[in-house]
Protein backbone atom coordinates (compact mmCIF):
# COMPACT_ATOMS: atom_id res chain seq x y z
CA UNK A 1 63.06 299.88 200.52
CA UNK A 2 66.20 299.24 202.58
CA UNK A 3 64.88 295.90 203.82
CA UNK A 4 64.13 294.74 200.30
CA UNK A 5 67.55 295.66 198.99
CA UNK A 6 69.97 294.65 201.73
CA UNK A 7 71.27 291.37 203.05
CA UNK A 8 70.21 290.29 206.53
CA UNK A 9 71.92 286.93 207.00
CA UNK A 10 73.68 287.39 210.32
CA UNK A 11 77.34 287.99 211.11
CA UNK A 12 80.42 285.91 211.75
CA UNK A 13 83.53 286.78 213.74
CA UNK A 14 86.69 288.04 212.08
CA UNK A 15 90.34 288.19 213.09
CA UNK A 16 92.89 290.94 212.65
CA UNK A 17 93.39 292.28 209.13
CA UNK A 18 96.44 290.98 207.27
CA UNK A 19 98.66 293.29 205.22
CA UNK A 20 97.21 291.69 202.08
CA UNK A 21 93.67 292.57 203.13
CA UNK A 22 94.68 296.12 204.01
CA UNK A 23 96.20 296.57 200.55
CA UNK A 24 93.07 295.15 198.90
CA UNK A 25 90.90 297.54 200.91
CA UNK A 26 92.98 300.53 199.81
CA UNK A 27 92.78 299.55 196.14
CA UNK A 28 89.02 298.95 196.25
CA UNK A 29 88.34 302.19 198.11
CA UNK A 30 90.44 304.00 195.50
CA UNK A 31 88.38 302.36 192.76
CA UNK A 32 85.18 303.71 194.29
CA UNK A 33 86.49 307.23 194.71
CA UNK A 34 87.94 307.25 191.20
CA UNK A 35 84.59 306.05 189.86
CA UNK A 36 82.84 308.89 191.69
CA UNK A 37 85.15 311.37 189.98
CA UNK A 38 84.23 309.81 186.62
CA UNK A 39 80.52 310.31 187.36
CA UNK A 40 79.94 306.56 187.37
CA UNK A 41 78.01 306.41 190.63
CA UNK A 42 74.26 305.84 190.94
CA UNK A 43 73.66 307.49 194.34
CA UNK A 44 74.06 304.50 196.72
CA UNK A 45 73.52 301.77 194.13
CA UNK A 46 75.89 299.65 192.00
CA UNK A 47 78.95 298.00 193.43
CA UNK A 48 82.54 296.84 193.17
CA UNK A 49 84.07 293.95 195.06
CA UNK A 50 87.41 292.30 195.61
CA UNK A 51 88.28 288.89 197.00
CA UNK A 52 90.26 289.02 200.26
CA UNK A 53 93.68 287.71 199.10
CA UNK A 54 94.32 285.38 202.04
CA UNK A 55 90.65 284.51 202.63
CA UNK A 56 89.41 283.34 199.22
CA UNK A 57 85.87 282.59 200.47
CA UNK A 58 85.44 286.20 201.63
CA UNK A 59 85.16 289.37 199.60
CA UNK A 60 84.92 293.11 200.27
CA UNK A 61 82.08 295.24 198.93
CA UNK A 62 80.63 298.69 199.50
CA UNK A 63 78.45 299.41 202.53
CA UNK A 64 74.85 299.95 201.46
CA UNK A 65 73.77 303.53 202.06
CA UNK A 66 77.09 305.24 201.32
CA UNK A 67 77.90 307.06 198.10
CA UNK A 68 81.05 306.13 196.20
CA UNK A 69 82.86 309.26 197.38
CA UNK A 70 82.27 308.27 201.03
CA UNK A 71 83.89 304.85 200.74
CA UNK A 72 87.23 304.33 202.46
CA UNK A 73 89.41 301.31 203.15
CA UNK A 74 88.05 300.94 206.69
CA UNK A 75 84.32 301.09 205.96
CA UNK A 76 84.25 298.43 203.24
CA UNK A 77 82.20 295.43 204.33
CA UNK A 78 83.57 291.89 204.32
CA UNK A 79 81.06 289.13 203.50
CA UNK A 80 81.33 285.39 203.11
CA UNK A 81 79.94 283.29 200.27
CA UNK A 82 76.65 282.88 202.16
CA UNK A 83 76.12 286.62 202.37
CA UNK A 84 76.95 286.96 206.07
CA UNK A 85 78.83 290.03 207.21
CA UNK A 86 82.25 289.09 208.58
CA UNK A 87 83.32 291.23 211.54
CA UNK A 88 81.53 294.06 213.29
CA UNK A 89 80.58 296.39 210.43
CA UNK A 90 77.41 298.39 211.19
CA UNK A 91 76.57 298.51 207.49
CA UNK A 92 74.36 296.16 205.48
CA UNK A 93 75.13 295.01 201.94
CA UNK A 94 73.03 295.49 198.82
CA UNK A 95 71.26 292.21 198.08
CA UNK A 96 71.47 292.49 194.29
CA UNK A 97 75.14 293.31 194.67
CA UNK A 98 75.70 290.12 196.62
CA UNK A 99 73.90 288.00 194.01
CA UNK A 100 75.91 289.38 191.09
CA UNK A 101 79.31 289.55 192.75
CA UNK A 102 79.14 286.28 194.66
CA UNK A 103 78.28 284.49 191.41
CA UNK A 104 81.49 285.63 189.74
CA UNK A 105 83.70 285.22 192.82
CA UNK A 106 82.53 281.63 193.39
CA UNK A 107 82.73 280.49 189.76
CA UNK A 108 85.84 282.38 188.60
CA UNK A 109 88.72 282.03 191.10
CA UNK A 110 90.94 283.80 188.56
CA UNK A 111 88.81 286.94 188.80
CA UNK A 112 89.55 288.69 192.09
CA UNK A 113 87.70 291.95 191.38
CA UNK A 114 84.22 292.50 189.94
CA UNK A 115 82.71 295.86 188.97
CA UNK A 116 79.07 296.49 188.06
CA UNK A 117 77.82 299.96 187.10
CA UNK A 118 74.74 301.77 185.80
CA UNK A 119 76.38 304.55 183.77
CA UNK A 120 74.15 306.30 181.25
CA UNK A 121 76.30 305.12 178.35
CA UNK A 122 76.44 301.59 179.71
CA UNK A 123 72.68 301.40 180.17
CA UNK A 124 72.05 302.84 176.72
CA UNK A 125 74.44 300.35 175.16
CA UNK A 126 72.68 297.52 177.01
CA UNK A 127 69.42 298.52 175.29
CA UNK A 128 70.85 298.11 171.79
CA UNK A 129 70.18 294.74 170.20
CA UNK A 130 73.56 294.83 168.43
CA UNK A 131 75.42 295.64 171.65
CA UNK A 132 79.00 296.93 171.44
CA UNK A 133 80.11 297.45 167.85
CA UNK A 134 83.77 297.29 166.70
CA UNK A 135 83.92 300.99 165.86
CA UNK A 136 86.69 302.53 167.94
CA UNK A 137 90.16 301.46 169.00
CA UNK A 138 88.82 301.25 172.56
CA UNK A 139 85.94 299.02 171.48
CA UNK A 140 88.30 296.67 169.65
CA UNK A 141 89.87 295.71 172.98
CA UNK A 142 86.68 293.70 173.52
CA UNK A 143 86.24 292.28 170.01
CA UNK A 144 85.18 288.64 170.40
CA UNK A 145 85.72 289.01 174.14
CA UNK A 146 82.40 290.27 175.48
CA UNK A 147 79.41 288.42 176.92
CA UNK A 148 75.72 289.32 177.19
CA UNK A 149 73.17 288.44 179.86
CA UNK A 150 69.44 288.94 179.34
CA UNK A 151 67.50 291.01 181.85
CA UNK A 152 65.56 289.05 184.49
CA UNK A 153 64.46 291.90 186.78
CA UNK A 154 66.33 293.21 189.83
CA UNK A 155 68.97 290.59 190.65
CA UNK A 156 67.49 289.31 193.91
CA UNK A 157 66.98 285.69 192.84
CA UNK A 158 69.92 283.52 193.89
CA UNK A 159 69.15 281.16 191.00
CA UNK A 160 70.15 283.90 188.55
CA UNK A 161 73.76 283.36 189.61
CA UNK A 162 73.87 280.17 187.53
CA UNK A 163 72.78 282.01 184.39
CA UNK A 164 75.10 284.96 185.03
CA UNK A 165 78.04 282.58 185.17
CA UNK A 166 76.85 280.59 182.17
CA UNK A 167 76.64 283.77 180.09
CA UNK A 168 79.93 285.22 181.33
CA UNK A 169 81.77 282.02 180.43
CA UNK A 170 85.50 282.69 180.11
CA UNK A 171 85.06 286.39 179.39
CA UNK A 172 85.99 289.29 181.65
CA UNK A 173 83.43 291.74 180.33
CA UNK A 174 79.65 291.44 180.14
CA UNK A 175 76.74 293.65 179.10
CA UNK A 176 73.74 293.10 181.36
CA UNK A 177 70.96 293.84 178.89
CA UNK A 178 68.57 296.66 179.85
CA UNK A 179 70.68 297.10 182.98
CA UNK A 180 74.36 298.08 182.73
CA UNK A 181 77.94 296.85 182.47
CA UNK A 182 80.11 294.35 184.34
CA UNK A 183 83.86 293.83 184.25
CA UNK A 184 86.13 291.45 186.13
CA UNK A 185 89.87 291.21 186.56
CA UNK A 186 92.68 289.52 188.37
CA UNK A 187 93.27 292.82 190.18
CA UNK A 188 91.24 295.88 191.12
CA UNK A 189 93.34 297.86 188.64
CA UNK A 190 92.55 295.50 185.76
CA UNK A 191 88.80 295.42 186.41
CA UNK A 192 88.67 299.23 186.81
CA UNK A 193 90.63 299.89 183.62
CA UNK A 194 88.46 297.43 181.68
CA UNK A 195 85.41 299.36 182.84
CA UNK A 196 87.05 302.67 181.92
CA UNK A 197 87.74 301.55 178.35
CA UNK A 198 84.39 299.76 177.98
CA UNK A 199 82.43 302.78 179.20
CA UNK A 200 84.41 305.05 176.89
CA UNK A 201 83.77 302.70 173.96
CA UNK A 202 80.05 302.76 174.75
CA UNK A 203 79.93 306.56 174.91
CA UNK A 204 81.77 307.06 171.64
CA UNK A 205 79.59 304.47 169.87
CA UNK A 206 76.44 306.25 171.01
CA UNK A 207 77.84 309.61 169.87
CA UNK A 208 78.69 308.19 166.45
CA UNK A 209 75.27 306.55 166.07
CA UNK A 210 73.57 309.81 167.00
CA UNK A 211 75.59 311.70 164.39
CA UNK A 212 75.22 309.29 161.48
CA UNK A 213 73.88 305.89 160.46
CA UNK A 214 76.79 305.43 158.05
CA UNK A 215 79.38 304.03 160.41
CA UNK A 216 82.92 303.12 159.42
CA UNK A 217 83.60 299.57 160.63
CA UNK A 218 87.10 298.07 160.28
CA UNK A 219 87.44 294.72 158.53
CA UNK A 220 87.19 291.55 160.66
CA UNK A 221 90.90 290.91 160.12
CA UNK A 222 91.81 294.35 161.47
CA UNK A 223 89.37 293.94 164.37
CA UNK A 224 90.91 290.61 165.32
CA UNK A 225 94.46 291.96 165.01
CA UNK A 226 93.69 294.98 167.19
CA UNK A 227 92.02 292.83 169.85
CA UNK A 228 95.10 290.60 169.98
CA UNK A 229 97.35 293.66 170.19
CA UNK A 230 95.33 295.09 173.06
CA UNK A 231 95.45 291.83 174.96
CA UNK A 232 99.04 290.93 174.12
CA UNK A 233 100.99 293.67 175.86
CA UNK A 234 103.74 292.47 178.16
CA UNK A 235 102.44 294.50 181.11
CA UNK A 236 99.03 293.48 182.40
CA UNK A 237 96.20 296.00 182.13
CA UNK A 238 96.41 298.44 185.02
CA UNK A 239 100.06 297.92 185.90
CA UNK A 240 101.10 301.27 184.43
CA UNK A 241 97.82 303.19 184.73
CA UNK A 242 96.85 302.39 188.33
CA UNK A 243 99.79 304.07 190.11
CA UNK A 244 99.10 307.23 188.10
CA UNK A 245 95.44 307.15 189.12
CA UNK A 246 96.36 306.69 192.79
CA UNK A 247 98.73 309.65 192.56
CA UNK A 248 95.86 311.71 191.18
CA UNK A 249 93.69 310.80 194.18
CA UNK A 250 96.51 311.60 196.58
CA UNK A 251 97.08 315.01 194.96
CA UNK A 252 93.37 315.74 195.33
CA UNK A 253 93.50 314.98 199.05
CA UNK A 254 91.26 311.91 198.90
CA UNK A 255 90.72 309.94 202.13
CA UNK A 256 90.43 306.57 200.40
CA UNK A 257 93.32 305.11 202.43
CA UNK A 258 91.66 305.78 205.79
């Protein structure tokens, strides 16, 4: 099982960590531990990654075999675009994680962080032919701004990267049908907050659909207006929320910075 689902492509040497890399490691480790507190983890599966700021052909991702709550800044694994571990990490990397994340990192230089999860609400939403409906204020953030990718089996085929990127297009959010959710952002904070609001939109849609088939859907004009409002704030998504989330982790005694 471990052999089938981890990368084994050798290692390359690495120099000392820059301050930019250290900051990226702290943010990504925080994202994992925050996700664990949201109940978003899937034991040791699913993944989040961030491009190393001063090494654009390298990105950080979770060590395969560790739960989200175990991930810290120091045990994140650095890999290159060929899937080789950079440095002396003892941990392997999930192969499907590399396929999905490397696809976005290579094709979208504007997207520095990628998050892919298997939450129950996200998986259930991915099974609905209609996908995310414009029902809630949270859902309207993604109105006309969400992509869909058809299921092809466990993402171990490197050729699937081409189709993932084709389907993502210029969007920052994608439903992987029969699989889960994916978000991307220019920062860890942005990608994490997009996932937070997308997952919440999925959960509330499923609750409404379970309660009634007579759903109240805003007009297209209102949907479009709300989407533009969501995406037109002066402060980028995550700028205000992320420091508050980090303070929460610090109050709880999290070791994400280690």
